[in-house]
Amino acid sequence: AGNKGVLARLVGRLDQLQREVSGLHERVDHRAFSSDLNEAFRIIRRVEGVCNHVRSRPWRAPSRTRVMWSNS
């Protein structure tokens, strides 16, 4: 249940980041390269996709085996 709060905050921060990136071109006197803006939006979409995937999966406690291997 605690993870859902973390995801909600992350989604909120991603929305804020997307708004800031959208205004980037205006703030730098139209000198920002469109490839830089495209890359920023691509990263945002990728992270949003991961968040949506994680949010859609049913939560379950990690197995003891996965915890042991992930800590090494």
N, C-alpha and C. Protein backbone atom coordinates (compact mmCIF):
# COMPACT_ATOMS: atom_id res chain seq x y z
N ALA A 1 0.83 -1.19 0.00
CA ALA A 1 0.00 0.00 0.00
C ALA A 1 0.87 1.25 0.00
N GLY A 2 2.01 1.19 0.70
CA GLY A 2 2.91 2.34 0.73
C GLY A 2 3.50 2.66 -0.63
N ASN A 3 3.66 1.63 -1.46
CA ASN A 3 4.21 1.85 -2.80
C ASN A 3 3.29 2.69 -3.66
N LYS A 4 1.98 2.57 -3.46
CA LYS A 4 1.03 3.35 -4.26
C LYS A 4 1.21 4.84 -4.00
N GLY A 5 1.49 5.22 -2.76
CA GLY A 5 1.74 6.62 -2.44
C GLY A 5 3.00 7.12 -3.11
N VAL A 6 4.02 6.29 -3.14
CA VAL A 6 5.27 6.65 -3.80
C VAL A 6 5.03 6.83 -5.30
N LEU A 7 4.28 5.92 -5.90
CA LEU A 7 3.98 6.03 -7.33
C LEU A 7 3.16 7.28 -7.63
N ALA A 8 2.21 7.59 -6.77
CA ALA A 8 1.39 8.79 -6.98
C ALA A 8 2.25 10.04 -6.94
N ARG A 9 3.19 10.10 -6.00
CA ARG A 9 4.10 11.26 -5.93
C ARG A 9 5.00 11.31 -7.15
N LEU A 10 5.47 10.16 -7.61
CA LEU A 10 6.32 10.12 -8.79
C LEU A 10 5.57 10.60 -10.02
N VAL A 11 4.33 10.16 -10.18
CA VAL A 11 3.52 10.59 -11.32
C VAL A 11 3.30 12.10 -11.25
N GLY A 12 3.05 12.63 -10.07
CA GLY A 12 2.90 14.08 -9.91
C GLY A 12 4.15 14.83 -10.30
N ARG A 13 5.30 14.30 -9.90
CA ARG A 13 6.57 14.95 -10.25
C ARG A 13 6.83 14.85 -11.74
N LEU A 14 6.45 13.72 -12.36
CA LEU A 14 6.61 13.58 -13.81
C LEU A 14 5.74 14.58 -14.55
N ASP A 15 4.52 14.79 -14.07
CA ASP A 15 3.65 15.79 -14.69
C ASP A 15 4.28 17.18 -14.61
N GLN A 16 4.84 17.50 -13.44
CA GLN A 16 5.50 18.79 -13.27
C GLN A 16 6.70 18.90 -14.21
N LEU A 17 7.49 17.84 -14.30
CA LEU A 17 8.65 17.84 -15.19
C LEU A 17 8.23 18.03 -16.64
N GLN A 18 7.16 17.37 -17.03
CA GLN A 18 6.69 17.50 -18.40
C GLN A 18 6.26 18.93 -18.70
N ARG A 19 5.60 19.58 -17.76
CA ARG A 19 5.21 20.99 -17.96
C ARG A 19 6.45 21.87 -18.08
N GLU A 20 7.46 21.61 -17.25
CA GLU A 20 8.68 22.42 -17.31
C GLU A 20 9.42 22.21 -18.62
N VAL A 21 9.50 20.97 -19.07
CA VAL A 21 10.18 20.69 -20.34
C VAL A 21 9.41 21.32 -21.49
N SER A 22 8.08 21.33 -21.41
CA SER A 22 7.27 21.94 -22.47
C SER A 22 7.59 23.42 -22.62
N GLY A 23 7.86 24.09 -21.51
CA GLY A 23 8.17 25.51 -21.56
C GLY A 23 9.64 25.80 -21.80
N LEU A 24 10.47 24.78 -21.87
CA LEU A 24 11.91 24.97 -22.03
C LEU A 24 12.25 25.75 -23.28
N HIS A 25 11.63 25.41 -24.37
CA HIS A 25 11.93 26.06 -25.64
C HIS A 25 11.69 27.57 -25.56
N GLU A 26 10.63 27.98 -24.89
CA GLU A 26 10.31 29.40 -24.75
C GLU A 26 11.32 30.11 -23.85
N ARG A 27 11.76 29.44 -22.79
CA ARG A 27 12.65 30.08 -21.81
C ARG A 27 14.06 30.30 -22.33
N VAL A 28 14.47 29.57 -23.34
CA VAL A 28 15.85 29.71 -23.82
C VAL A 28 15.88 30.43 -25.17
N ASP A 29 14.91 31.30 -25.39
CA ASP A 29 14.88 32.11 -26.62
C ASP A 29 14.94 31.27 -27.88
N HIS A 30 14.24 30.17 -27.90
CA HIS A 30 14.14 29.32 -29.09
C HIS A 30 15.50 28.75 -29.53
N ARG A 31 16.45 28.66 -28.60
CA ARG A 31 17.76 28.10 -28.96
C ARG A 31 17.89 26.63 -28.58
N ALA A 32 16.89 26.09 -27.93
CA ALA A 32 16.97 24.68 -27.55
C ALA A 32 16.82 23.82 -28.80
N PHE A 33 17.65 22.82 -28.90
CA PHE A 33 17.57 21.90 -30.03
C PHE A 33 16.33 21.03 -29.87
N SER A 34 15.61 20.84 -30.95
CA SER A 34 14.42 20.01 -30.87
C SER A 34 14.78 18.58 -30.49
N SER A 35 15.97 18.12 -30.84
CA SER A 35 16.37 16.76 -30.46
C SER A 35 16.49 16.63 -28.94
N ASP A 36 16.95 17.71 -28.26
CA ASP A 36 17.03 17.68 -26.80
C ASP A 36 15.64 17.60 -26.18
N LEU A 37 14.71 18.38 -26.73
CA LEU A 37 13.34 18.34 -26.23
C LEU A 37 12.70 16.99 -26.51
N ASN A 38 12.92 16.46 -27.69
CA ASN A 38 12.37 15.14 -28.03
C ASN A 38 12.90 14.07 -27.09
N GLU A 39 14.19 14.14 -26.77
CA GLU A 39 14.79 13.16 -25.86
C GLU A 39 14.19 13.29 -24.47
N ALA A 40 13.98 14.52 -24.01
CA ALA A 40 13.38 14.72 -22.68
C ALA A 40 11.98 14.13 -22.65
N PHE A 41 11.18 14.38 -23.68
CA PHE A 41 9.83 13.82 -23.72
C PHE A 41 9.86 12.30 -23.84
N ARG A 42 10.83 11.75 -24.56
CA ARG A 42 10.95 10.30 -24.69
C ARG A 42 11.23 9.67 -23.33
N ILE A 43 12.11 10.30 -22.56
CA ILE A 43 12.43 9.78 -21.22
C ILE A 43 11.21 9.85 -20.32
N ILE A 44 10.48 10.97 -20.39
CA ILE A 44 9.28 11.11 -19.57
C ILE A 44 8.27 10.03 -19.93
N ARG A 45 8.04 9.80 -21.22
CA ARG A 45 7.09 8.77 -21.63
C ARG A 45 7.54 7.38 -21.17
N ARG A 46 8.84 7.13 -21.22
CA ARG A 46 9.36 5.82 -20.80
C ARG A 46 9.12 5.60 -19.30
N VAL A 47 9.42 6.62 -18.50
CA VAL A 47 9.21 6.49 -17.05
C VAL A 47 7.72 6.36 -16.74
N GLU A 48 6.88 7.12 -17.44
CA GLU A 48 5.44 6.99 -17.24
C GLU A 48 4.96 5.58 -17.59
N GLY A 49 5.51 5.01 -18.64
CA GLY A 49 5.15 3.64 -19.01
C GLY A 49 5.52 2.64 -17.94
N VAL A 50 6.69 2.82 -17.35
CA VAL A 50 7.11 1.94 -16.26
C VAL A 50 6.18 2.10 -15.07
N CYS A 51 5.84 3.35 -14.74
CA CYS A 51 4.93 3.59 -13.61
C CYS A 51 3.57 2.95 -13.86
N ASN A 52 3.06 3.10 -15.06
CA ASN A 52 1.76 2.50 -15.39
C ASN A 52 1.81 0.99 -15.32
N HIS A 53 2.92 0.40 -15.75
CA HIS A 53 3.08 -1.05 -15.69
C HIS A 53 3.10 -1.52 -14.24
N VAL A 54 3.88 -0.83 -13.41
CA VAL A 54 3.98 -1.21 -12.00
C VAL A 54 2.64 -1.01 -11.31
N ARG A 55 1.96 0.08 -11.63
CA ARG A 55 0.67 0.37 -10.99
C ARG A 55 -0.38 -0.67 -11.37
N SER A 56 -0.31 -1.22 -12.57
CA SER A 56 -1.32 -2.17 -13.02
C SER A 56 -1.10 -3.58 -12.48
N ARG A 57 0.10 -3.85 -11.98
CA ARG A 57 0.38 -5.18 -11.44
C ARG A 57 -0.15 -5.30 -10.02
N PRO A 58 -0.70 -6.45 -9.67
CA PRO A 58 -1.14 -6.63 -8.28
C PRO A 58 0.08 -6.67 -7.36
N TRP A 59 -0.03 -6.01 -6.23
CA TRP A 59 1.09 -5.96 -5.29
C TRP A 59 1.21 -7.29 -4.57
N ARG A 60 2.44 -7.71 -4.39
CA ARG A 60 2.69 -8.90 -3.57
C ARG A 60 4.02 -8.71 -2.88
N ALA A 61 4.12 -9.33 -1.72
CA ALA A 61 5.36 -9.24 -0.96
C ALA A 61 6.45 -9.97 -1.73
N PRO A 62 7.66 -9.42 -1.72
CA PRO A 62 8.74 -10.11 -2.43
C PRO A 62 9.05 -11.44 -1.78
N SER A 63 9.41 -12.41 -2.60
CA SER A 63 9.74 -13.72 -2.04
C SER A 63 11.08 -13.63 -1.33
N ARG A 64 11.29 -14.51 -0.41
CA ARG A 64 12.53 -14.50 0.36
C ARG A 64 13.73 -14.73 -0.56
N THR A 65 13.57 -15.57 -1.57
CA THR A 65 14.66 -15.85 -2.50
C THR A 65 15.06 -14.60 -3.26
N ARG A 66 14.07 -13.86 -3.77
CA ARG A 66 14.39 -12.64 -4.52
C ARG A 66 15.08 -11.62 -3.63
N VAL A 67 14.65 -11.51 -2.37
CA VAL A 67 15.27 -10.56 -1.46
C VAL A 67 16.71 -10.95 -1.20
N MET A 68 16.96 -12.25 -0.98
CA MET A 68 18.33 -12.70 -0.72
C MET A 68 19.22 -12.39 -1.91
N TRP A 69 18.78 -12.67 -3.12
CA TRP A 69 19.62 -12.45 -4.30
C TRP A 69 19.78 -10.98 -4.62
N SER A 70 18.78 -10.17 -4.34
CA SER A 70 18.88 -8.76 -4.69
C SER A 70 19.80 -8.01 -3.75
N ASN A 71 20.05 -8.53 -2.57
CA ASN A 71 20.93 -7.85 -1.61
C ASN A 71 22.40 -8.19 -1.82
N SER A 72 22.72 -9.15 -2.64
CA SER A 72 24.12 -9.55 -2.79
C SER A 72 24.82 -8.77 -3.87
